[in-house]
N, C-alpha and C. Protein backbone atom coordinates (compact mmCIF):
# COMPACT_ATOMS: atom_id res chain seq x y z
N UNK A 1 7.05 -14.86 14.86
CA UNK A 1 6.87 -12.95 15.41
C UNK A 1 6.20 -12.73 16.71
N UNK A 2 6.90 -12.65 17.66
CA UNK A 2 5.94 -12.49 18.63
C UNK A 2 5.79 -11.12 19.03
N UNK A 3 4.72 -10.81 19.65
CA UNK A 3 4.30 -9.26 19.91
C UNK A 3 5.15 -8.24 20.83
N UNK A 4 5.11 -6.77 20.47
CA UNK A 4 5.98 -6.12 21.33
C UNK A 4 5.64 -5.48 22.76
N UNK A 5 4.72 -5.74 22.83
CA UNK A 5 3.77 -4.84 24.11
C UNK A 5 2.73 -6.24 24.37
N UNK A 6 2.49 -6.42 25.33
CA UNK A 6 0.52 -6.82 26.07
C UNK A 6 -0.44 -6.76 25.63
N UNK A 7 -0.95 -7.62 25.39
CA UNK A 7 -2.83 -7.17 24.87
C UNK A 7 -3.05 -5.93 25.85
N UNK A 8 -3.38 -4.76 24.87
CA UNK A 8 -4.28 -3.87 25.44
C UNK A 8 -5.38 -3.61 25.21
N UNK A 9 -6.64 -3.30 26.02
CA UNK A 9 -7.70 -3.04 26.14
C UNK A 9 -8.25 -1.69 25.14
N UNK A 10 -8.91 -1.89 24.29
CA UNK A 10 -9.44 -1.06 23.23
C UNK A 10 -9.80 0.51 23.58
N UNK A 11 -10.65 -0.11 24.88
CA UNK A 11 -11.68 0.93 25.59
C UNK A 11 -10.59 2.41 25.93
N UNK A 12 -9.21 1.82 26.36
CA UNK A 12 -8.38 2.36 26.73
C UNK A 12 -7.70 2.77 25.87
N UNK A 13 -7.84 3.48 25.00
CA UNK A 13 -7.35 3.65 23.44
C UNK A 13 -7.07 5.97 24.02
N UNK A 14 -8.49 6.37 24.31
CA UNK A 14 -7.87 7.65 24.36
C UNK A 14 -7.11 7.69 25.65
N UNK A 15 -6.45 7.30 26.57
CA UNK A 15 -5.99 7.22 28.09
C UNK A 15 -4.60 6.50 27.81
N UNK A 16 -3.92 5.78 27.26
CA UNK A 16 -3.59 5.20 26.79
C UNK A 16 -2.30 6.18 25.61
N UNK A 17 -2.84 7.00 25.36
CA UNK A 17 -2.01 7.88 23.92
C UNK A 17 -1.09 7.33 23.40
N UNK A 18 -1.47 6.32 22.37
CA UNK A 18 -0.71 5.54 21.36
C UNK A 18 -0.49 6.38 20.60
N UNK A 19 1.17 6.40 20.16
CA UNK A 19 1.70 7.02 19.76
C UNK A 19 1.05 6.62 18.22
N UNK A 20 1.24 7.24 17.10
CA UNK A 20 0.72 7.14 15.74
C UNK A 20 1.80 6.57 14.54
N UNK A 21 3.00 6.17 15.31
CA UNK A 21 4.31 5.61 14.40
C UNK A 21 3.62 4.64 13.85
N UNK A 22 3.98 4.02 12.28
CA UNK A 22 3.11 3.09 11.83
C UNK A 22 3.76 2.10 12.19
N UNK A 23 3.05 1.27 12.46
CA UNK A 23 3.19 0.05 13.26
C UNK A 23 2.16 -1.36 12.42
N UNK A 24 2.70 -2.24 13.10
CA UNK A 24 1.56 -3.78 12.93
C UNK A 24 0.98 -4.05 14.23
N UNK A 25 -0.14 -4.26 13.89
CA UNK A 25 -1.44 -4.80 15.01
C UNK A 25 -2.46 -5.71 14.62
N UNK A 26 -2.73 -6.13 15.39
CA UNK A 26 -3.66 -7.62 15.60
C UNK A 26 -5.06 -6.61 16.88
N UNK A 27 -6.28 -6.96 16.21
CA UNK A 27 -7.28 -6.69 17.11
C UNK A 27 -7.74 -7.81 17.29
N UNK A 28 -8.07 -7.91 18.47
CA UNK A 28 -8.79 -9.26 19.36
C UNK A 28 -9.91 -9.09 20.26
N UNK A 29 -10.58 -10.47 20.33
CA UNK A 29 -12.20 -10.28 20.83
C UNK A 29 -11.79 -10.37 22.33
N UNK A 30 -12.59 -10.80 22.94
CA UNK A 30 -13.22 -10.98 24.34
C UNK A 30 -12.41 -12.19 23.98
N UNK A 31 -13.03 -13.20 23.80
CA UNK A 31 -12.52 -14.85 23.69
C UNK A 31 -11.19 -15.01 23.52
N UNK A 32 -9.73 -14.05 22.95
CA UNK A 32 -8.88 -13.11 22.48
C UNK A 32 -8.60 -13.69 21.16
N UNK A 33 -9.60 -13.87 20.39
CA UNK A 33 -9.47 -14.85 18.54
C UNK A 33 -8.71 -13.40 18.45
N UNK A 34 -8.11 -13.84 17.46
CA UNK A 34 -7.60 -12.60 16.55
C UNK A 34 -8.74 -12.14 15.26
N UNK A 35 -8.98 -11.04 15.07
CA UNK A 35 -10.15 -10.68 14.67
C UNK A 35 -9.44 -9.83 12.98
N UNK A 36 -8.86 -9.55 13.70
CA UNK A 36 -7.67 -8.57 12.48
C UNK A 36 -6.55 -8.32 12.50
N UNK A 37 -5.62 -8.20 10.85
CA UNK A 37 -4.20 -7.84 11.41
C UNK A 37 -4.07 -6.73 10.53
N UNK A 38 -3.67 -5.99 11.11
CA UNK A 38 -3.28 -4.68 10.54
C UNK A 38 -1.98 -4.10 10.16
N UNK A 39 -1.87 -2.82 9.74
CA UNK A 39 -1.06 -1.74 9.93
C UNK A 39 -0.98 -0.65 9.39
N UNK A 40 -0.61 0.37 9.46
CA UNK A 40 -0.34 2.06 9.19
C UNK A 40 -0.17 2.75 10.27
N UNK A 41 -0.34 4.10 10.62
CA UNK A 41 0.19 4.72 11.43
C UNK A 41 -0.98 3.79 12.79
N UNK A 42 -0.11 3.90 14.20
CA UNK A 42 -1.37 3.15 14.99
C UNK A 42 -2.16 3.93 15.66
N UNK A 43 -1.86 4.47 16.13
CA UNK A 43 -3.43 5.56 16.35
C UNK A 43 -4.50 6.00 15.90
N UNK A 44 -4.37 5.88 14.38
CA UNK A 44 -5.60 6.91 14.01
C UNK A 44 -5.77 5.22 13.25
N UNK A 45 -5.01 4.33 12.74
CA UNK A 45 -5.66 2.93 12.79
C UNK A 45 -6.66 2.12 13.67
N UNK A 46 -5.97 2.36 14.55
CA UNK A 46 -6.87 1.79 15.78
C UNK A 46 -8.34 2.53 16.19
N UNK A 47 -8.15 3.51 16.34
CA UNK A 47 -9.46 4.46 16.24
C UNK A 47 -10.24 4.47 15.21
N UNK A 48 -10.17 3.70 13.89
CA UNK A 48 -10.73 3.51 12.79
C UNK A 48 -11.89 2.44 13.32
N UNK A 49 -11.37 1.94 13.99
CA UNK A 49 -11.55 0.47 14.53
C UNK A 49 -12.58 0.37 15.58
N UNK A 50 -12.35 1.84 16.96
CA UNK A 50 -13.58 1.69 17.50
C UNK A 50 -14.67 1.27 17.03
N UNK A 51 -16.23 1.20 18.47
CA UNK A 51 -17.43 1.45 17.55
C UNK A 51 -17.97 3.04 16.92
N UNK A 52 -17.65 3.95 17.18
CA UNK A 52 -18.17 4.77 16.30
C UNK A 52 -16.68 5.42 15.21
N UNK A 53 -16.06 4.65 15.33
CA UNK A 53 -15.00 4.84 13.99
C UNK A 53 -15.63 4.64 12.21
N UNK A 54 -14.87 4.82 11.46
CA UNK A 54 -14.91 4.71 9.87
C UNK A 54 -15.21 2.96 9.77
N UNK A 55 -14.03 2.41 10.30
CA UNK A 55 -14.15 1.17 9.95
C UNK A 55 -14.43 0.52 11.20
N UNK A 56 -15.46 0.47 12.17
CA UNK A 56 -15.99 -0.59 13.33
C UNK A 56 -15.56 -2.24 12.75
N UNK A 57 -15.16 -2.97 13.80
CA UNK A 57 -14.99 -4.35 13.93
C UNK A 57 -15.98 -4.88 15.15
N UNK A 58 -16.85 -5.10 14.91
CA UNK A 58 -17.62 -6.00 15.65
C UNK A 58 -16.80 -7.00 16.72
N UNK A 59 -17.04 -7.03 17.85
CA UNK A 59 -16.40 -7.56 18.86
C UNK A 59 -14.90 -7.64 18.70
N UNK A 60 -14.55 -6.38 18.58
CA UNK A 60 -13.50 -5.75 18.87
C UNK A 60 -12.67 -5.34 20.26
N UNK A 61 -12.22 -5.65 20.97
CA UNK A 61 -12.09 -5.54 22.91
C UNK A 61 -10.32 -5.53 22.85
N UNK A 62 -9.54 -5.92 22.38
CA UNK A 62 -7.93 -5.39 22.51
C UNK A 62 -7.51 -5.50 21.40
N UNK A 63 -5.94 -4.98 21.85
CA UNK A 63 -5.07 -4.58 20.54
C UNK A 63 -3.55 -5.16 20.96
N UNK A 64 -2.89 -5.30 20.16
CA UNK A 64 -1.28 -5.53 20.24
C UNK A 64 -0.64 -5.23 19.43
N UNK A 65 0.51 -4.79 19.44
CA UNK A 65 1.58 -4.32 18.24
C UNK A 65 3.12 -5.06 18.36
N UNK A 66 3.36 -4.89 17.52
CA UNK A 66 4.05 -5.49 16.30
C UNK A 66 5.36 -4.55 15.96
N UNK A 67 6.81 -4.23 16.44
CA UNK A 67 7.23 -3.38 15.56
C UNK A 67 8.14 -3.63 14.68
N UNK A 68 8.36 -3.01 13.89
CA UNK A 68 8.78 -3.33 11.91
C UNK A 68 9.74 -2.13 12.15
N UNK A 69 10.94 -2.59 11.61
CA UNK A 69 12.40 -1.85 11.26
C UNK A 69 11.93 -1.32 10.38
N UNK A 70 11.66 -1.51 9.21
CA UNK A 70 11.70 -0.87 8.12
C UNK A 70 10.61 -0.75 7.93
N UNK A 71 9.91 0.32 6.86
CA UNK A 71 8.75 0.57 6.49
C UNK A 71 8.42 -0.56 5.12
N UNK A 72 9.74 -1.10 4.95
CA UNK A 72 9.42 -1.96 3.37
C UNK A 72 9.04 -3.38 4.21
N UNK A 73 9.60 -3.52 5.10
CA UNK A 73 8.68 -4.42 6.09
C UNK A 73 7.20 -5.22 6.03
N UNK A 74 6.60 -3.49 6.54
CA UNK A 74 5.40 -4.01 6.69
C UNK A 74 4.84 -5.23 6.62
N UNK A 75 4.44 -4.76 5.13
CA UNK A 75 3.30 -5.00 4.15
C UNK A 75 3.64 -6.89 3.99
N UNK A 76 4.94 -7.11 3.95
CA UNK A 76 5.11 -8.54 4.10
C UNK A 76 5.56 -9.11 5.46
N UNK A 77 5.56 -8.45 6.45
CA UNK A 77 4.94 -8.81 7.85
C UNK A 77 3.80 -9.25 8.04
N UNK A 78 2.84 -8.37 7.89
CA UNK A 78 1.53 -8.28 8.01
C UNK A 78 1.47 -9.50 7.36
N UNK A 79 1.04 -10.09 5.56
CA UNK A 79 0.96 -10.94 4.86
C UNK A 79 1.84 -12.43 5.94
N UNK A 80 2.70 -12.42 6.30
CA UNK A 80 3.47 -13.39 7.07
C UNK A 80 2.77 -13.56 8.65
N UNK A 81 2.27 -12.79 9.58
CA UNK A 81 1.22 -12.76 10.23
C UNK A 81 0.10 -13.63 9.89
N UNK A 82 -0.51 -13.07 8.93
CA UNK A 82 -1.50 -13.31 8.23
C UNK A 82 -1.56 -14.69 8.38
N UNK A 83 -0.94 -15.30 7.61
CA UNK A 83 0.06 -16.16 6.91
C UNK A 83 -0.19 -17.81 7.79
N UNK A 84 0.27 -16.73 9.23
CA UNK A 84 0.98 -17.53 10.16
C UNK A 84 -0.58 -18.33 10.84
N UNK A 85 -1.26 -17.61 11.43
CA UNK A 85 -2.75 -17.39 11.46
C UNK A 85 -3.74 -18.21 10.81
N UNK A 86 -3.87 -18.11 9.57
CA UNK A 86 -3.94 -19.48 8.34
C UNK A 86 -4.05 -20.73 9.01
N UNK A 87 -2.18 -21.11 9.05
CA UNK A 87 -1.52 -22.32 9.05
C UNK A 87 -2.26 -22.64 10.39
N UNK A 88 -1.84 -21.87 11.33
CA UNK A 88 -2.07 -22.78 12.79
C UNK A 88 -4.18 -22.20 13.08
N UNK A 89 -4.58 -21.39 12.81
CA UNK A 89 -6.15 -21.90 12.61
C UNK A 89 -7.28 -22.66 11.87
N UNK A 90 -6.50 -22.14 10.84
CA UNK A 90 -7.29 -23.29 9.42
C UNK A 90 -8.01 -22.36 8.99
N UNK A 91 -8.15 -20.76 9.41
CA UNK A 91 -8.58 -19.77 8.13
C UNK A 91 -7.82 -18.19 8.62
N UNK A 92 -8.18 -17.47 7.96
CA UNK A 92 -7.27 -16.07 8.20
C UNK A 92 -8.20 -15.56 9.02
N UNK A 93 -8.06 -14.59 9.74
CA UNK A 93 -8.70 -13.71 11.00
C UNK A 93 -10.25 -13.35 10.30
N UNK A 94 -11.45 -13.14 11.06
CA UNK A 94 -12.53 -12.65 10.37
C UNK A 94 -11.96 -11.63 9.33
N UNK A 95 -11.73 -10.58 9.83
CA UNK A 95 -11.95 -8.95 8.99
C UNK A 95 -10.38 -8.96 7.70
N UNK A 96 -9.89 -9.91 7.99
CA UNK A 96 -9.09 -10.58 6.43
C UNK A 96 -9.69 -11.65 5.74
N UNK A 97 -10.59 -11.73 5.75
CA UNK A 97 -10.60 -13.11 5.43
C UNK A 97 -11.05 -12.73 4.07
N UNK A 98 -11.12 -11.86 2.82
CA UNK A 98 -11.03 -11.56 1.65
C UNK A 98 -9.29 -10.86 0.91
N UNK A 99 -8.76 -11.22 2.04
CA UNK A 99 -7.94 -10.94 1.39
C UNK A 99 -6.92 -12.15 0.42
């Protein structure tokens, strides 16, 4: 599954005016390591992961999104991305480790 958007900088989230549509997303470090794979209302969820957010992710610098055609597919596709990461990298993303 390939992303629908290029990697975007988290610090530009306020400027980008990202929509709050239900989406699948990856949070990425400065070293391009996938830190977290999440799903939900995009703008709200990304805002929660900013340094001053409710669930800040240390090292989060970038994000990219994936389009999901049906809400029912969202969690299945998220689990699939996490599994793909596990198979390629030998571990889950840092903040998905306990799932």
